[in-house]
N, C-alpha and C. Protein backbone atom coordinates (compact mmCIF):
# COMPACT_ATOMS: atom_id res chain seq x y z
N MET A 1 -98.12 21.47 88.91
CA MET A 1 -99.21 22.29 89.36
C MET A 1 -98.84 23.07 90.62
N LEU A 2 -98.18 22.43 91.56
CA LEU A 2 -97.78 23.10 92.80
C LEU A 2 -96.30 23.45 92.82
N ASP A 3 -95.71 23.66 91.64
CA ASP A 3 -94.28 23.95 91.56
C ASP A 3 -93.89 25.18 92.37
N PHE A 4 -94.78 26.16 92.48
CA PHE A 4 -94.47 27.39 93.21
C PHE A 4 -94.15 27.11 94.69
N LEU A 5 -94.60 25.97 95.21
CA LEU A 5 -94.34 25.64 96.62
C LEU A 5 -92.89 25.22 96.86
N PHE A 6 -92.14 24.97 95.79
CA PHE A 6 -90.79 24.42 95.96
C PHE A 6 -89.70 25.39 95.52
N SER A 7 -90.05 26.66 95.33
CA SER A 7 -89.02 27.64 95.01
C SER A 7 -89.47 29.01 95.51
N GLY A 8 -88.52 29.87 95.77
CA GLY A 8 -88.79 31.24 96.17
C GLY A 8 -89.64 31.36 97.42
N TRP A 9 -90.63 32.27 97.37
CA TRP A 9 -91.48 32.54 98.53
C TRP A 9 -92.36 31.35 98.87
N GLY A 10 -92.73 30.56 97.86
CA GLY A 10 -93.53 29.37 98.14
C GLY A 10 -92.81 28.42 99.07
N ALA A 11 -91.52 28.18 98.79
CA ALA A 11 -90.72 27.29 99.63
C ALA A 11 -90.55 27.90 101.03
N PHE A 12 -90.40 29.21 101.10
CA PHE A 12 -90.28 29.87 102.39
C PHE A 12 -91.52 29.63 103.24
N TRP A 13 -92.72 29.82 102.65
CA TRP A 13 -93.95 29.66 103.42
C TRP A 13 -94.24 28.20 103.76
N VAL A 14 -93.83 27.28 102.90
CA VAL A 14 -93.96 25.85 103.24
C VAL A 14 -93.08 25.54 104.44
N THR A 15 -91.86 26.04 104.43
CA THR A 15 -90.95 25.82 105.56
C THR A 15 -91.51 26.45 106.84
N MET A 16 -92.03 27.66 106.72
CA MET A 16 -92.63 28.31 107.89
C MET A 16 -93.83 27.53 108.39
N GLY A 17 -94.63 27.00 107.47
CA GLY A 17 -95.79 26.21 107.86
C GLY A 17 -95.41 24.97 108.64
N MET A 18 -94.24 24.41 108.32
CA MET A 18 -93.78 23.24 109.07
C MET A 18 -93.08 23.64 110.37
N LEU A 19 -92.44 24.80 110.38
CA LEU A 19 -91.69 25.24 111.54
C LEU A 19 -92.58 25.84 112.63
N LEU A 20 -93.57 26.62 112.25
CA LEU A 20 -94.38 27.34 113.23
C LEU A 20 -95.10 26.44 114.25
N PRO A 21 -95.70 25.31 113.85
CA PRO A 21 -96.31 24.46 114.89
C PRO A 21 -95.29 23.97 115.93
N PHE A 22 -94.09 23.62 115.48
CA PHE A 22 -93.05 23.19 116.41
C PHE A 22 -92.60 24.35 117.29
N ALA A 23 -92.45 25.53 116.70
CA ALA A 23 -92.05 26.70 117.48
C ALA A 23 -93.13 27.05 118.50
N GLY A 24 -94.40 26.96 118.10
CA GLY A 24 -95.50 27.23 119.03
C GLY A 24 -95.52 26.24 120.18
N MET A 25 -95.33 24.97 119.89
CA MET A 25 -95.30 23.95 120.95
C MET A 25 -94.10 24.18 121.87
N PHE A 26 -92.95 24.51 121.31
CA PHE A 26 -91.75 24.79 122.10
C PHE A 26 -92.01 25.97 123.05
N TRP A 27 -92.58 27.07 122.50
CA TRP A 27 -92.87 28.22 123.33
C TRP A 27 -93.85 27.86 124.44
N TYR A 28 -94.90 27.09 124.11
CA TYR A 28 -95.90 26.69 125.09
C TYR A 28 -95.25 25.91 126.24
N VAL A 29 -94.43 24.94 125.94
CA VAL A 29 -93.80 24.11 126.97
C VAL A 29 -92.87 24.95 127.83
N ILE A 30 -92.04 25.77 127.22
CA ILE A 30 -91.10 26.61 127.98
C ILE A 30 -91.88 27.59 128.86
N HIS A 31 -92.88 28.26 128.30
CA HIS A 31 -93.67 29.22 129.08
C HIS A 31 -94.39 28.53 130.24
N ARG A 32 -94.99 27.40 129.96
CA ARG A 32 -95.74 26.68 131.01
C ARG A 32 -94.83 26.23 132.14
N LYS A 33 -93.66 25.71 131.81
CA LYS A 33 -92.76 25.19 132.86
C LYS A 33 -91.96 26.29 133.54
N SER A 34 -91.83 27.46 132.94
CA SER A 34 -91.05 28.51 133.60
C SER A 34 -91.92 29.56 134.28
N VAL A 35 -93.15 29.75 133.87
CA VAL A 35 -93.99 30.81 134.43
C VAL A 35 -95.22 30.23 135.14
N VAL A 36 -95.98 29.40 134.46
CA VAL A 36 -97.26 28.91 134.99
C VAL A 36 -97.05 27.88 136.08
N ASP A 37 -96.23 26.86 135.82
CA ASP A 37 -96.03 25.77 136.78
C ASP A 37 -94.55 25.39 136.77
N SER A 38 -93.78 26.10 137.60
CA SER A 38 -92.33 25.88 137.59
C SER A 38 -91.88 24.72 138.47
N GLY A 39 -92.80 24.06 139.16
CA GLY A 39 -92.45 22.94 140.02
C GLY A 39 -92.20 21.67 139.21
N PRO A 40 -91.84 20.59 139.90
CA PRO A 40 -91.62 19.33 139.20
C PRO A 40 -92.91 18.83 138.57
N GLY A 41 -92.77 18.13 137.47
CA GLY A 41 -93.92 17.60 136.75
C GLY A 41 -94.66 16.55 137.56
N THR A 42 -95.98 16.47 137.36
CA THR A 42 -96.79 15.51 138.10
C THR A 42 -97.29 14.37 137.20
N THR A 43 -96.90 14.40 135.96
CA THR A 43 -97.33 13.35 135.03
C THR A 43 -96.59 12.06 135.35
N PRO A 44 -97.32 10.95 135.50
CA PRO A 44 -96.65 9.67 135.77
C PRO A 44 -95.72 9.28 134.62
N ARG A 45 -94.65 8.59 134.95
CA ARG A 45 -93.64 8.21 133.95
C ARG A 45 -94.24 7.37 132.82
N ALA A 46 -95.16 6.47 133.13
CA ALA A 46 -95.78 5.64 132.10
C ALA A 46 -96.59 6.49 131.11
N ALA A 47 -97.30 7.48 131.63
CA ALA A 47 -98.07 8.36 130.75
C ALA A 47 -97.15 9.21 129.89
N MET A 48 -96.00 9.62 130.46
CA MET A 48 -95.04 10.42 129.71
C MET A 48 -94.48 9.61 128.54
N SER A 49 -94.18 8.34 128.78
CA SER A 49 -93.67 7.49 127.70
C SER A 49 -94.71 7.36 126.59
N ARG A 50 -95.97 7.22 126.95
CA ARG A 50 -97.05 7.10 125.98
C ARG A 50 -97.16 8.41 125.16
N LEU A 51 -97.08 9.57 125.84
CA LEU A 51 -97.13 10.86 125.15
C LEU A 51 -95.95 11.03 124.19
N GLU A 52 -94.77 10.61 124.63
CA GLU A 52 -93.60 10.68 123.75
C GLU A 52 -93.80 9.81 122.51
N GLY A 53 -94.39 8.63 122.72
CA GLY A 53 -94.66 7.74 121.60
C GLY A 53 -95.64 8.35 120.61
N TYR A 54 -96.70 8.98 121.11
CA TYR A 54 -97.67 9.65 120.24
C TYR A 54 -97.01 10.79 119.46
N TRP A 55 -96.23 11.57 120.18
CA TRP A 55 -95.56 12.72 119.55
C TRP A 55 -94.60 12.26 118.46
N LEU A 56 -93.77 11.28 118.76
CA LEU A 56 -92.82 10.77 117.76
C LEU A 56 -93.55 10.15 116.58
N THR A 57 -94.64 9.45 116.82
CA THR A 57 -95.43 8.86 115.74
C THR A 57 -96.01 9.95 114.85
N ALA A 58 -96.57 10.99 115.46
CA ALA A 58 -97.15 12.10 114.69
C ALA A 58 -96.08 12.78 113.83
N VAL A 59 -94.92 13.05 114.41
CA VAL A 59 -93.83 13.69 113.66
C VAL A 59 -93.39 12.78 112.51
N PHE A 60 -93.25 11.49 112.76
CA PHE A 60 -92.84 10.55 111.72
C PHE A 60 -93.86 10.51 110.58
N VAL A 61 -95.14 10.43 110.91
CA VAL A 61 -96.19 10.37 109.89
C VAL A 61 -96.19 11.65 109.05
N ILE A 62 -96.09 12.80 109.70
CA ILE A 62 -96.05 14.08 108.97
C ILE A 62 -94.83 14.12 108.05
N PHE A 63 -93.67 13.74 108.57
CA PHE A 63 -92.43 13.76 107.79
C PHE A 63 -92.55 12.85 106.56
N VAL A 64 -93.01 11.63 106.75
CA VAL A 64 -93.12 10.67 105.64
C VAL A 64 -94.15 11.16 104.63
N THR A 65 -95.28 11.68 105.09
CA THR A 65 -96.34 12.17 104.19
C THR A 65 -95.83 13.31 103.32
N ILE A 66 -95.16 14.29 103.91
CA ILE A 66 -94.63 15.42 103.15
C ILE A 66 -93.60 14.95 102.14
N ASN A 67 -92.73 14.03 102.54
CA ASN A 67 -91.71 13.54 101.62
C ASN A 67 -92.32 12.75 100.46
N LEU A 68 -93.30 11.91 100.75
CA LEU A 68 -93.95 11.16 99.68
C LEU A 68 -94.70 12.09 98.73
N ALA A 69 -95.35 13.11 99.28
CA ALA A 69 -96.09 14.06 98.44
C ALA A 69 -95.16 14.87 97.55
N SER A 70 -93.93 15.08 97.99
CA SER A 70 -93.00 15.91 97.21
C SER A 70 -92.17 15.11 96.22
N LEU A 71 -92.29 13.78 96.21
CA LEU A 71 -91.49 12.97 95.30
C LEU A 71 -91.68 13.36 93.84
N LYS A 72 -92.91 13.65 93.45
CA LYS A 72 -93.16 13.95 92.04
C LYS A 72 -92.49 15.25 91.60
N PHE A 73 -92.02 16.07 92.53
CA PHE A 73 -91.36 17.31 92.17
C PHE A 73 -89.84 17.17 92.11
N MET A 74 -89.32 15.99 92.45
CA MET A 74 -87.88 15.77 92.35
C MET A 74 -87.47 15.84 90.88
N PRO A 75 -86.33 16.46 90.57
CA PRO A 75 -85.95 16.62 89.16
C PRO A 75 -85.93 15.32 88.36
N ILE A 76 -85.44 14.25 88.94
CA ILE A 76 -85.36 13.01 88.18
C ILE A 76 -86.74 12.44 87.87
N ILE A 77 -87.69 12.59 88.79
CA ILE A 77 -89.06 12.12 88.56
C ILE A 77 -89.77 13.03 87.56
N ALA A 78 -89.62 14.34 87.73
CA ALA A 78 -90.25 15.29 86.80
C ALA A 78 -89.70 15.09 85.39
N THR A 79 -88.41 14.81 85.28
CA THR A 79 -87.79 14.56 83.98
C THR A 79 -88.39 13.32 83.34
N ALA A 80 -88.54 12.25 84.09
CA ALA A 80 -89.11 11.01 83.55
C ALA A 80 -90.56 11.23 83.13
N ARG A 81 -91.34 11.96 83.94
CA ARG A 81 -92.73 12.22 83.58
C ARG A 81 -92.83 13.05 82.31
N ALA A 82 -91.98 14.07 82.18
CA ALA A 82 -92.03 14.94 80.99
C ALA A 82 -91.64 14.17 79.74
N ALA A 83 -90.74 13.21 79.89
CA ALA A 83 -90.26 12.46 78.73
C ALA A 83 -91.28 11.43 78.25
N THR A 84 -92.18 11.00 79.11
CA THR A 84 -93.13 9.95 78.73
C THR A 84 -94.53 10.46 78.47
N ALA A 85 -94.85 11.67 78.86
CA ALA A 85 -96.21 12.19 78.69
C ALA A 85 -96.20 13.36 77.72
N GLY A 86 -97.28 13.54 77.04
CA GLY A 86 -97.44 14.71 76.19
C GLY A 86 -96.77 14.59 74.84
N PRO A 87 -96.38 15.76 74.27
CA PRO A 87 -95.82 15.77 72.92
C PRO A 87 -94.46 15.06 72.86
N PRO A 88 -94.03 14.68 71.64
CA PRO A 88 -92.74 14.01 71.51
C PRO A 88 -91.59 14.90 71.99
N VAL A 89 -90.57 14.25 72.49
CA VAL A 89 -89.42 14.96 73.06
C VAL A 89 -88.48 15.41 71.94
N GLN A 90 -88.04 16.68 72.03
CA GLN A 90 -87.01 17.18 71.13
C GLN A 90 -85.66 16.77 71.71
N GLU A 91 -84.80 16.21 70.91
CA GLU A 91 -83.49 15.73 71.38
C GLU A 91 -82.41 16.75 71.05
N VAL A 92 -81.60 17.10 72.04
CA VAL A 92 -80.43 17.96 71.83
C VAL A 92 -79.24 17.27 72.47
N ALA A 93 -78.29 16.85 71.62
CA ALA A 93 -77.05 16.24 72.12
C ALA A 93 -76.03 17.34 72.34
N VAL A 94 -75.39 17.32 73.50
CA VAL A 94 -74.41 18.35 73.86
C VAL A 94 -73.09 17.65 74.17
N THR A 95 -72.01 18.16 73.59
CA THR A 95 -70.67 17.69 73.92
C THR A 95 -69.86 18.89 74.35
N ALA A 96 -69.31 18.81 75.54
CA ALA A 96 -68.51 19.91 76.07
C ALA A 96 -67.03 19.56 75.94
N THR A 97 -66.28 20.46 75.35
CA THR A 97 -64.82 20.35 75.30
C THR A 97 -64.27 21.66 75.83
N SER A 98 -62.99 21.73 75.98
CA SER A 98 -62.41 22.92 76.59
C SER A 98 -62.96 24.20 75.98
N TRP A 99 -63.81 24.82 76.76
CA TRP A 99 -64.33 26.17 76.57
C TRP A 99 -65.30 26.34 75.41
N THR A 100 -65.94 25.23 75.01
CA THR A 100 -66.97 25.33 73.97
C THR A 100 -67.98 24.20 74.10
N TYR A 101 -69.16 24.44 73.57
CA TYR A 101 -70.20 23.42 73.51
C TYR A 101 -70.48 23.08 72.05
N GLU A 102 -70.58 21.80 71.75
CA GLU A 102 -71.07 21.36 70.45
C GLU A 102 -72.48 20.85 70.71
N MET A 103 -73.47 21.44 70.02
CA MET A 103 -74.85 21.05 70.23
C MET A 103 -75.47 20.63 68.90
N SER A 104 -76.26 19.57 68.94
CA SER A 104 -76.91 19.08 67.72
C SER A 104 -77.96 20.06 67.21
N SER A 105 -78.50 20.89 68.09
CA SER A 105 -79.46 21.91 67.69
C SER A 105 -79.39 23.06 68.67
N ARG A 106 -79.47 24.25 68.15
CA ARG A 106 -79.47 25.44 69.01
C ARG A 106 -80.82 26.14 68.97
N GLN A 107 -81.82 25.45 68.40
CA GLN A 107 -83.16 26.01 68.35
C GLN A 107 -84.17 24.94 68.74
N VAL A 108 -85.04 25.27 69.68
CA VAL A 108 -86.10 24.35 70.13
C VAL A 108 -87.41 25.12 70.18
N GLU A 109 -88.51 24.38 70.36
CA GLU A 109 -89.83 24.99 70.38
C GLU A 109 -90.41 25.03 71.79
N THR A 110 -91.25 26.03 72.03
CA THR A 110 -91.94 26.14 73.32
C THR A 110 -93.00 25.04 73.42
N GLY A 111 -93.30 24.66 74.66
CA GLY A 111 -94.37 23.72 74.92
C GLY A 111 -94.06 22.26 74.62
N LYS A 112 -92.88 21.97 74.10
CA LYS A 112 -92.49 20.60 73.82
C LYS A 112 -91.27 20.26 74.68
N PRO A 113 -91.29 19.11 75.34
CA PRO A 113 -90.13 18.75 76.17
C PRO A 113 -88.86 18.61 75.34
N VAL A 114 -87.76 19.05 75.91
CA VAL A 114 -86.45 18.95 75.25
C VAL A 114 -85.57 18.09 76.15
N ARG A 115 -85.00 17.02 75.58
CA ARG A 115 -84.05 16.20 76.34
C ARG A 115 -82.65 16.63 75.95
N PHE A 116 -81.94 17.18 76.93
CA PHE A 116 -80.54 17.53 76.76
C PHE A 116 -79.72 16.34 77.23
N SER A 117 -78.97 15.72 76.32
CA SER A 117 -78.08 14.60 76.67
C SER A 117 -76.66 15.12 76.50
N ALA A 118 -75.94 15.25 77.59
CA ALA A 118 -74.66 15.95 77.57
C ALA A 118 -73.50 15.06 78.03
N ARG A 119 -72.37 15.24 77.35
CA ARG A 119 -71.14 14.53 77.69
C ARG A 119 -69.98 15.53 77.72
N ALA A 120 -68.98 15.21 78.50
CA ALA A 120 -67.74 16.01 78.53
C ALA A 120 -66.63 15.17 77.93
N LYS A 121 -65.84 15.77 77.05
CA LYS A 121 -64.76 15.02 76.40
C LYS A 121 -63.46 15.04 77.20
N ASP A 122 -63.15 16.18 77.81
CA ASP A 122 -61.81 16.35 78.36
C ASP A 122 -61.73 16.49 79.88
N THR A 123 -62.62 17.26 80.45
CA THR A 123 -62.59 17.50 81.89
C THR A 123 -64.02 17.76 82.36
N GLN A 124 -64.19 18.00 83.62
CA GLN A 124 -65.51 18.28 84.18
C GLN A 124 -66.03 19.61 83.65
N HIS A 125 -67.30 19.63 83.23
CA HIS A 125 -67.93 20.85 82.73
C HIS A 125 -69.34 20.96 83.32
N GLY A 126 -69.87 22.15 83.26
CA GLY A 126 -71.26 22.38 83.64
C GLY A 126 -72.05 22.85 82.44
N PHE A 127 -73.36 22.74 82.54
CA PHE A 127 -74.26 23.19 81.47
C PHE A 127 -75.46 23.81 82.18
N ALA A 128 -75.42 25.13 82.34
CA ALA A 128 -76.49 25.84 83.03
C ALA A 128 -77.25 26.68 82.01
N VAL A 129 -78.57 26.57 82.00
CA VAL A 129 -79.41 27.30 81.07
C VAL A 129 -80.15 28.40 81.83
N TYR A 130 -80.03 29.63 81.31
CA TYR A 130 -80.63 30.81 81.95
C TYR A 130 -81.75 31.37 81.08
N HIS A 131 -82.88 31.66 81.71
CA HIS A 131 -84.01 32.31 81.06
C HIS A 131 -83.57 33.70 80.59
N PRO A 132 -84.20 34.26 79.55
CA PRO A 132 -83.82 35.62 79.12
C PRO A 132 -83.90 36.68 80.22
N ASP A 133 -84.71 36.46 81.25
CA ASP A 133 -84.78 37.44 82.35
C ASP A 133 -83.68 37.24 83.39
N GLY A 134 -82.81 36.24 83.19
CA GLY A 134 -81.66 36.03 84.07
C GLY A 134 -81.79 34.90 85.07
N ARG A 135 -82.98 34.31 85.22
CA ARG A 135 -83.16 33.19 86.16
C ARG A 135 -82.50 31.94 85.61
N MET A 136 -81.83 31.19 86.50
CA MET A 136 -81.31 29.89 86.08
C MET A 136 -82.46 28.89 86.07
N LEU A 137 -82.60 28.17 84.96
CA LEU A 137 -83.67 27.18 84.85
C LEU A 137 -83.21 25.81 85.34
N PHE A 138 -82.02 25.40 84.93
CA PHE A 138 -81.48 24.12 85.38
C PHE A 138 -79.98 24.10 85.08
N THR A 139 -79.32 23.17 85.70
CA THR A 139 -77.89 22.98 85.45
C THR A 139 -77.58 21.49 85.48
N MET A 140 -76.56 21.10 84.74
CA MET A 140 -76.10 19.71 84.70
C MET A 140 -74.59 19.70 84.91
N LEU A 141 -74.12 18.64 85.52
CA LEU A 141 -72.69 18.41 85.67
C LEU A 141 -72.30 17.29 84.73
N MET A 142 -71.27 17.53 83.93
CA MET A 142 -70.81 16.52 82.98
C MET A 142 -69.40 16.08 83.38
N MET A 143 -69.22 14.79 83.48
CA MET A 143 -67.94 14.21 83.84
C MET A 143 -67.39 13.41 82.66
N PRO A 144 -66.10 13.51 82.37
CA PRO A 144 -65.54 12.72 81.28
C PRO A 144 -65.44 11.25 81.67
N GLY A 145 -65.52 10.38 80.67
CA GLY A 145 -65.29 8.96 80.90
C GLY A 145 -66.46 8.19 81.47
N VAL A 146 -67.64 8.77 81.55
CA VAL A 146 -68.79 8.02 82.05
C VAL A 146 -69.50 7.36 80.86
N SER A 147 -70.17 6.23 81.12
CA SER A 147 -70.76 5.47 80.02
C SER A 147 -72.05 6.09 79.48
N LYS A 148 -72.82 6.73 80.34
CA LYS A 148 -74.08 7.34 79.90
C LYS A 148 -74.00 8.86 80.02
N PRO A 149 -74.68 9.56 79.12
CA PRO A 149 -74.65 11.03 79.22
C PRO A 149 -75.50 11.52 80.39
N THR A 150 -75.21 12.71 80.83
CA THR A 150 -76.06 13.40 81.80
C THR A 150 -77.28 13.88 81.05
N THR A 151 -78.47 13.66 81.60
CA THR A 151 -79.69 14.02 80.88
C THR A 151 -80.64 14.83 81.74
N VAL A 152 -81.25 15.81 81.12
CA VAL A 152 -82.31 16.59 81.75
C VAL A 152 -83.37 16.84 80.69
N VAL A 153 -84.62 16.69 81.07
CA VAL A 153 -85.73 17.04 80.18
C VAL A 153 -86.37 18.31 80.73
N HIS A 154 -86.48 19.31 79.87
CA HIS A 154 -87.07 20.59 80.29
C HIS A 154 -88.02 21.07 79.19
N THR A 155 -89.14 21.65 79.59
CA THR A 155 -90.09 22.22 78.64
C THR A 155 -90.04 23.74 78.78
N PHE A 156 -89.67 24.41 77.71
CA PHE A 156 -89.60 25.87 77.72
C PHE A 156 -90.98 26.45 77.45
N SER A 157 -91.36 27.47 78.21
CA SER A 157 -92.68 28.07 78.00
C SER A 157 -92.59 29.44 77.33
N ASP A 158 -91.45 30.09 77.40
CA ASP A 158 -91.31 31.44 76.82
C ASP A 158 -90.31 31.43 75.68
N PRO A 159 -90.67 32.03 74.53
CA PRO A 159 -89.69 32.15 73.46
C PRO A 159 -88.64 33.19 73.83
N GLY A 160 -87.47 33.08 73.21
CA GLY A 160 -86.40 34.04 73.46
C GLY A 160 -85.04 33.40 73.32
N THR A 161 -84.01 34.17 73.64
CA THR A 161 -82.64 33.68 73.59
C THR A 161 -82.19 33.35 75.00
N TYR A 162 -81.87 32.11 75.22
CA TYR A 162 -81.47 31.60 76.53
C TYR A 162 -79.95 31.47 76.57
N LYS A 163 -79.34 31.96 77.62
CA LYS A 163 -77.89 31.88 77.78
C LYS A 163 -77.50 30.53 78.38
N ILE A 164 -76.37 30.02 77.95
CA ILE A 164 -75.82 28.79 78.49
C ILE A 164 -74.43 29.12 79.03
N ARG A 165 -74.16 28.67 80.24
CA ARG A 165 -72.86 28.93 80.89
C ARG A 165 -72.34 27.65 81.53
N CYS A 166 -71.03 27.56 81.60
CA CYS A 166 -70.38 26.46 82.33
C CYS A 166 -70.20 26.93 83.77
N LEU A 167 -70.70 26.16 84.73
CA LEU A 167 -70.58 26.54 86.14
C LEU A 167 -69.54 25.71 86.88
N GLU A 168 -68.82 24.86 86.18
CA GLU A 168 -67.75 24.07 86.80
C GLU A 168 -66.42 24.55 86.24
N TYR A 169 -65.51 24.90 87.14
CA TYR A 169 -64.21 25.42 86.67
C TYR A 169 -63.53 24.37 85.81
N CYS A 170 -63.23 24.74 84.56
CA CYS A 170 -62.70 23.78 83.60
C CYS A 170 -61.39 24.24 82.97
N GLY A 171 -60.76 25.23 83.53
CA GLY A 171 -59.47 25.67 83.01
C GLY A 171 -59.39 27.18 82.88
N ILE A 172 -58.32 27.63 82.26
CA ILE A 172 -58.00 29.05 82.23
C ILE A 172 -59.03 29.91 81.50
N ALA A 173 -59.71 29.36 80.51
CA ALA A 173 -60.72 30.14 79.77
C ALA A 173 -62.15 29.76 80.17
N HIS A 174 -62.30 29.23 81.36
CA HIS A 174 -63.62 28.82 81.86
C HIS A 174 -64.64 29.95 81.75
N HIS A 175 -64.22 31.17 82.06
CA HIS A 175 -65.13 32.32 82.04
C HIS A 175 -65.73 32.58 80.66
N GLY A 176 -65.07 32.11 79.62
CA GLY A 176 -65.56 32.34 78.26
C GLY A 176 -66.38 31.18 77.71
N MET A 177 -66.62 30.16 78.51
CA MET A 177 -67.38 29.00 78.03
C MET A 177 -68.87 29.30 78.16
N LYS A 178 -69.43 29.81 77.07
CA LYS A 178 -70.84 30.15 77.05
C LYS A 178 -71.40 29.94 75.65
N ASP A 179 -72.69 29.85 75.58
CA ASP A 179 -73.37 29.63 74.31
C ASP A 179 -74.78 30.17 74.43
N GLU A 180 -75.59 30.00 73.39
CA GLU A 180 -76.97 30.45 73.41
C GLU A 180 -77.88 29.40 72.82
N LEU A 181 -79.11 29.41 73.26
CA LEU A 181 -80.15 28.51 72.77
C LEU A 181 -81.34 29.40 72.41
N THR A 182 -81.85 29.23 71.20
CA THR A 182 -83.00 30.01 70.76
C THR A 182 -84.26 29.19 70.92
N VAL A 183 -85.22 29.73 71.64
CA VAL A 183 -86.50 29.06 71.84
C VAL A 183 -87.55 29.82 71.04
N VAL A 184 -88.20 29.12 70.11
CA VAL A 184 -89.20 29.75 69.24
C VAL A 184 -90.58 29.23 69.60
N LYS A 185 -91.60 29.98 69.22
CA LYS A 185 -92.98 29.55 69.45
C LYS A 185 -93.24 28.28 68.66
N SER A 186 -93.93 27.35 69.28
CA SER A 186 -94.25 26.09 68.63
C SER A 186 -95.26 26.30 67.51
N ASN A 187 -95.06 25.59 66.39
CA ASN A 187 -96.02 25.66 65.28
C ASN A 187 -97.37 25.11 65.70
N ALA A 188 -97.35 24.14 66.60
CA ALA A 188 -98.58 23.50 67.07
C ALA A 188 -99.38 24.46 67.97
N ALA A 189 -98.69 25.42 68.62
CA ALA A 189 -99.36 26.32 69.55
C ALA A 189 -100.13 27.42 68.84
N THR A 190 -99.89 27.61 67.56
CA THR A 190 -100.58 28.69 66.84
C THR A 190 -101.92 28.29 66.32
């Protein structure tokens, strides 16, 4: 629901919202001590320690609250939620070998979660999926010799032809390691 807060301009304004109060307080303290009252401070040391404690507590509470609130947007949590809620997951097994992808299916439906389970046979490979408008939707790193595949669950909302590229240098023909995924409108959505 609040995904826009974690990318693009949304992330910028969230960062500014967290930065501006600190910048305002910094400016206030510097201005007050350099222009308004440039003499030594008159606050007793015990009161200063108490103020520092309040300030550090407030910063800690804000930091922990923001981090806890953002947990559900972490890719691993979002992936687990998408896989357990809603319509059944479409499974796509991916095997990467030198400069090619073997995929169990190259066509998926909109509105249904797709679990990409990917393995590399020979060397390190990447699996990056790009929206038809050119935006990268997600990427995975595949390492050879691991016991479990790399997995990502993603739900496509727009039909079209999605480009797949390897983003990890995997040898002399790395630049040619690409494929396509066709996303069609779901029969259930009609």
